[in-house]
Amino acid sequence: MPTNERYSRKISAEEAKKKHIFILKDSLDFFPPQGKAFTISDGSTDKEVFLESYRCTCRGPQLPHEHYFVRWEGIRFGERITITKDVKAAERYVLVSKR
């Protein structure tokens, strides 16, 4: 499956603690625009989510930028997640995790 058809990452300690999945800037176009609702299903739960962001200066005050994320409870540090678009339903995504 080509990379533009999925989003994968290993969950960091910060993501697990804050209960959200970081979305890298170069993958933003895989998801609906910021603020537009979409659904993620993990096989047992369907949840309406939004792409959100917050301002950050983790690279120093001279390099302010945004961190993008989707809220998702139940993720664990070190877990590998993959999100794919559901081919049968628009604005629906499927999350698969490998713990």
Protein backbone atom coordinates (compact mmCIF):
# COMPACT_ATOMS: atom_id res chain seq x y z
CA MET A 1 0.00 0.00 0.00
CA PRO A 2 1.56 3.36 -0.98
CA THR A 3 2.40 5.75 1.86
CA ASN A 4 -0.15 8.33 0.68
CA GLU A 5 -2.86 5.74 1.44
CA ARG A 6 -1.93 5.30 5.10
CA TYR A 7 -0.48 7.09 8.09
CA SER A 8 1.79 5.11 10.42
CA ARG A 9 3.80 5.94 13.50
CA LYS A 10 5.12 4.59 16.75
CA ILE A 11 3.38 6.24 19.71
CA SER A 12 5.65 8.39 21.87
CA ALA A 13 5.46 8.74 25.65
CA GLU A 14 4.04 12.26 25.20
CA GLU A 15 1.29 11.03 22.86
CA ALA A 16 0.29 8.27 25.27
CA LYS A 17 0.26 10.69 28.20
CA LYS A 18 -1.74 13.38 26.35
CA LYS A 19 -4.03 10.78 24.71
CA HIS A 20 -3.49 12.00 21.19
CA ILE A 21 -1.80 10.93 17.97
CA PHE A 22 0.64 13.42 16.46
CA ILE A 23 0.11 14.07 12.75
CA LEU A 24 3.27 15.03 10.92
CA LYS A 25 3.04 18.18 8.81
CA ASP A 26 3.92 16.35 5.58
CA SER A 27 0.94 14.00 6.16
CA LEU A 28 -1.73 16.66 6.78
CA ASP A 29 -3.25 16.22 3.31
CA PHE A 30 -4.06 12.57 4.14
CA PHE A 31 -6.68 13.80 6.63
CA PRO A 32 -9.65 16.18 6.24
CA PRO A 33 -8.91 19.88 6.84
CA GLN A 34 -8.31 21.07 10.37
CA GLY A 35 -11.58 21.44 12.30
CA LYS A 36 -13.64 19.23 9.96
CA ALA A 37 -15.13 16.18 11.69
CA PHE A 38 -14.26 12.68 10.52
CA THR A 39 -14.58 9.20 12.00
CA ILE A 40 -11.86 6.82 13.12
CA SER A 41 -12.75 3.20 13.84
CA ASP A 42 -10.49 0.78 15.68
CA GLY A 43 -12.76 -2.21 15.14
CA SER A 44 -14.57 -1.87 18.45
CA THR A 45 -15.11 1.89 18.64
CA ASP A 46 -16.15 4.49 16.09
CA LYS A 47 -15.24 7.98 17.25
CA GLU A 48 -15.80 11.37 15.64
CA VAL A 49 -12.54 13.32 15.78
CA PHE A 50 -10.99 16.52 14.46
CA LEU A 51 -7.51 17.45 13.32
CA GLU A 52 -6.33 19.95 15.93
CA SER A 53 -3.13 21.90 16.58
CA TYR A 54 -1.27 23.94 19.15
CA ARG A 55 1.52 26.50 18.93
CA CYS A 56 4.92 25.32 20.09
CA THR A 57 8.45 26.64 20.52
CA CYS A 58 10.18 23.29 21.20
CA ARG A 59 12.78 24.28 18.57
CA GLY A 60 13.38 27.60 20.32
CA PRO A 61 11.48 30.91 20.38
CA GLN A 62 12.95 31.89 17.01
CA LEU A 63 11.25 28.89 15.33
CA PRO A 64 7.59 28.87 16.43
CA HIS A 65 5.44 26.28 14.70
CA GLU A 66 2.32 24.11 15.06
CA HIS A 67 1.98 20.56 16.31
CA TYR A 68 -0.98 18.71 14.74
CA PHE A 69 -2.83 15.87 16.42
CA VAL A 70 -6.00 13.80 16.73
CA ARG A 71 -7.33 12.94 20.19
CA TRP A 72 -7.48 9.19 20.81
CA GLU A 73 -7.75 7.44 24.16
CA GLY A 74 -6.27 4.04 24.83
CA ILE A 75 -3.03 4.39 22.89
CA ARG A 76 0.11 3.14 24.61
CA PHE A 77 3.72 4.19 24.52
CA GLY A 78 5.64 2.14 21.94
CA GLU A 79 2.51 0.98 20.12
CA ARG A 80 2.74 1.02 16.31
CA ILE A 81 -0.45 2.42 14.75
CA THR A 82 -1.55 2.58 11.13
CA ILE A 83 -4.50 4.67 9.94
CA THR A 84 -6.01 3.97 6.51
CA LYS A 85 -8.92 5.51 4.64
CA ASP A 86 -12.06 3.37 4.60
CA VAL A 87 -12.73 2.70 0.90
CA LYS A 88 -16.43 2.09 1.60
CA ALA A 89 -17.21 5.30 3.50
CA ALA A 90 -16.06 8.86 2.91
CA GLU A 91 -14.57 10.70 5.89
CA ARG A 92 -14.06 7.39 7.73
CA TYR A 93 -10.66 6.03 8.68
CA VAL A 94 -9.58 2.73 10.22
CA LEU A 95 -6.94 2.53 12.95
CA VAL A 96 -4.99 -0.69 13.44
CA SER A 97 -2.50 -1.08 16.26
CA LYS A 98 0.25 -3.56 16.96
CA ARG A 99 1.26 -3.67 20.60
